[in-house]
Each structure stands twice: as C-alpha cells, then as structure tokens.
Amino acid sequence: MGIQMAAIITGGVLAGIQLDKWLQLKFPIFTLVLTLLSVFLAIYYFIKDILKK
C-alpha cells in the first residue's frame, strides 16, 4: 500500500514538473495542482482499501 501511494504521488509530481517545463511557466502551478491532486488520490485509495478489509 505504501509503495502504491508513493507511486501515485511521485507520478503526479513528475507530471506537474514536466508540464511546467514544457509550457515554460515561471510559477509552477501544474506541479502544485497535480501534487495536491495526487496526494488526495493516494489518500482516497488508502481509505478505500482500508474500508474494504
């Protein structure tokens, strides 16, 4: 479960960084938004998994 959460968050962070680089933005808005989204997604999957057991 921990590895899955880390993978989701890492994927969101890396995708945000790449989008910010590609669009050449001065403020890393995609990094912030995708990081927060991936953290909430990881927590959602964690809670969903705990409730299933």
N, C-alpha and C. Protein backbone atom coordinates (compact mmCIF):
# COMPACT_ATOMS: atom_id res chain seq x y z
N MET A 1 0.84 -1.19 0.00
CA MET A 1 0.00 0.00 0.00
C MET A 1 0.87 1.25 0.00
N GLY A 2 1.94 1.26 0.77
CA GLY A 2 2.82 2.42 0.82
C GLY A 2 3.52 2.69 -0.50
N ILE A 3 3.90 1.62 -1.17
CA ILE A 3 4.56 1.77 -2.47
C ILE A 3 3.57 2.33 -3.49
N GLN A 4 2.32 1.89 -3.44
CA GLN A 4 1.31 2.39 -4.35
C GLN A 4 1.06 3.89 -4.11
N MET A 5 0.99 4.28 -2.85
CA MET A 5 0.79 5.70 -2.53
C MET A 5 1.98 6.54 -3.01
N ALA A 6 3.17 6.04 -2.79
CA ALA A 6 4.37 6.76 -3.23
C ALA A 6 4.42 6.88 -4.76
N ALA A 7 4.00 5.83 -5.44
CA ALA A 7 4.00 5.85 -6.90
C ALA A 7 2.99 6.86 -7.44
N ILE A 8 1.81 6.93 -6.83
CA ILE A 8 0.78 7.88 -7.26
C ILE A 8 1.28 9.32 -7.06
N ILE A 9 1.84 9.59 -5.90
CA ILE A 9 2.31 10.95 -5.59
C ILE A 9 3.50 11.32 -6.48
N THR A 10 4.43 10.39 -6.64
CA THR A 10 5.59 10.65 -7.49
C THR A 10 5.17 10.91 -8.93
N GLY A 11 4.21 10.13 -9.42
CA GLY A 11 3.72 10.34 -10.78
C GLY A 11 3.09 11.72 -10.96
N GLY A 12 2.34 12.15 -9.98
CA GLY A 12 1.72 13.47 -10.04
C GLY A 12 2.75 14.59 -10.02
N VAL A 13 3.75 14.44 -9.17
CA VAL A 13 4.80 15.47 -9.07
C VAL A 13 5.58 15.54 -10.38
N LEU A 14 5.99 14.39 -10.89
CA LEU A 14 6.78 14.39 -12.12
C LEU A 14 5.99 14.90 -13.32
N ALA A 15 4.71 14.55 -13.39
CA ALA A 15 3.87 15.07 -14.47
C ALA A 15 3.73 16.59 -14.37
N GLY A 16 3.57 17.10 -13.18
CA GLY A 16 3.48 18.54 -12.99
C GLY A 16 4.76 19.26 -13.38
N ILE A 17 5.88 18.71 -13.00
CA ILE A 17 7.16 19.31 -13.34
C ILE A 17 7.34 19.34 -14.86
N GLN A 18 7.02 18.23 -15.51
CA GLN A 18 7.17 18.17 -16.96
C GLN A 18 6.24 19.15 -17.67
N LEU A 19 5.00 19.29 -17.20
CA LEU A 19 4.08 20.25 -17.80
C LEU A 19 4.58 21.68 -17.63
N ASP A 20 5.08 22.00 -16.44
CA ASP A 20 5.60 23.35 -16.20
C ASP A 20 6.82 23.64 -17.09
N LYS A 21 7.68 22.65 -17.26
CA LYS A 21 8.84 22.84 -18.15
C LYS A 21 8.39 23.01 -19.60
N TRP A 22 7.46 22.16 -20.02
CA TRP A 22 7.00 22.18 -21.40
C TRP A 22 6.32 23.51 -21.75
N LEU A 23 5.53 24.03 -20.82
CA LEU A 23 4.82 25.30 -21.05
C LEU A 23 5.66 26.52 -20.66
N GLN A 24 6.86 26.28 -20.10
CA GLN A 24 7.80 27.32 -19.70
C GLN A 24 7.14 28.35 -18.77
N LEU A 25 6.49 27.85 -17.75
CA LEU A 25 5.82 28.72 -16.79
C LEU A 25 6.80 29.18 -15.71
N LYS A 26 6.66 30.42 -15.27
CA LYS A 26 7.52 30.95 -14.21
C LYS A 26 7.08 30.42 -12.85
N PHE A 27 5.76 30.35 -12.63
CA PHE A 27 5.22 29.83 -11.38
C PHE A 27 4.78 28.38 -11.59
N PRO A 28 5.23 27.44 -10.78
CA PRO A 28 4.95 26.01 -11.01
C PRO A 28 3.53 25.60 -10.62
N ILE A 29 2.55 26.13 -11.32
CA ILE A 29 1.15 25.88 -10.97
C ILE A 29 0.77 24.41 -11.19
N PHE A 30 1.22 23.81 -12.30
CA PHE A 30 0.86 22.41 -12.55
C PHE A 30 1.52 21.48 -11.54
N THR A 31 2.72 21.80 -11.11
CA THR A 31 3.37 20.98 -10.09
C THR A 31 2.58 21.02 -8.79
N LEU A 32 2.14 22.20 -8.39
CA LEU A 32 1.36 22.32 -7.16
C LEU A 32 0.01 21.62 -7.27
N VAL A 33 -0.70 21.86 -8.36
CA VAL A 33 -2.03 21.29 -8.51
C VAL A 33 -1.97 19.77 -8.63
N LEU A 34 -1.09 19.27 -9.47
CA LEU A 34 -1.02 17.81 -9.65
C LEU A 34 -0.47 17.11 -8.40
N THR A 35 0.40 17.77 -7.66
CA THR A 35 0.88 17.19 -6.41
C THR A 35 -0.27 17.06 -5.41
N LEU A 36 -1.04 18.13 -5.23
CA LEU A 36 -2.18 18.07 -4.31
C LEU A 36 -3.20 17.04 -4.76
N LEU A 37 -3.49 17.00 -6.05
CA LEU A 37 -4.44 16.04 -6.58
C LEU A 37 -3.97 14.60 -6.34
N SER A 38 -2.69 14.36 -6.56
CA SER A 38 -2.17 13.00 -6.39
C SER A 38 -2.16 12.60 -4.92
N VAL A 39 -1.92 13.54 -4.01
CA VAL A 39 -1.97 13.23 -2.58
C VAL A 39 -3.40 12.85 -2.18
N PHE A 40 -4.38 13.64 -2.63
CA PHE A 40 -5.77 13.31 -2.33
C PHE A 40 -6.18 11.97 -2.95
N LEU A 41 -5.69 11.69 -4.15
CA LEU A 41 -5.99 10.42 -4.80
C LEU A 41 -5.37 9.25 -4.02
N ALA A 42 -4.15 9.42 -3.56
CA ALA A 42 -3.49 8.37 -2.78
C ALA A 42 -4.23 8.13 -1.46
N ILE A 43 -4.67 9.20 -0.80
CA ILE A 43 -5.43 9.05 0.45
C ILE A 43 -6.77 8.36 0.17
N TYR A 44 -7.41 8.72 -0.93
CA TYR A 44 -8.68 8.09 -1.31
C TYR A 44 -8.51 6.59 -1.49
N TYR A 45 -7.48 6.19 -2.25
CA TYR A 45 -7.24 4.76 -2.45
C TYR A 45 -6.89 4.05 -1.14
N PHE A 46 -6.17 4.73 -0.26
CA PHE A 46 -5.83 4.15 1.04
C PHE A 46 -7.09 3.90 1.86
N ILE A 47 -7.95 4.89 1.96
CA ILE A 47 -9.19 4.76 2.73
C ILE A 47 -10.09 3.69 2.11
N LYS A 48 -10.18 3.69 0.79
CA LYS A 48 -11.00 2.70 0.09
C LYS A 48 -10.49 1.28 0.38
N ASP A 49 -9.17 1.11 0.41
CA ASP A 49 -8.58 -0.20 0.69
C ASP A 49 -8.81 -0.61 2.13
N ILE A 50 -8.68 0.31 3.06
CA ILE A 50 -8.89 0.01 4.48
C ILE A 50 -10.33 -0.38 4.74
N LEU A 51 -11.28 0.33 4.15
CA LEU A 51 -12.69 0.03 4.36
C LEU A 51 -13.10 -1.32 3.74
N LYS A 52 -12.40 -1.70 2.69
CA LYS A 52 -12.68 -2.98 2.03
C LYS A 52 -12.29 -4.16 2.94
N LYS A 53 -11.23 -3.98 3.72
CA LYS A 53 -10.76 -5.06 4.59
C LYS A 53 -11.54 -5.00 5.85
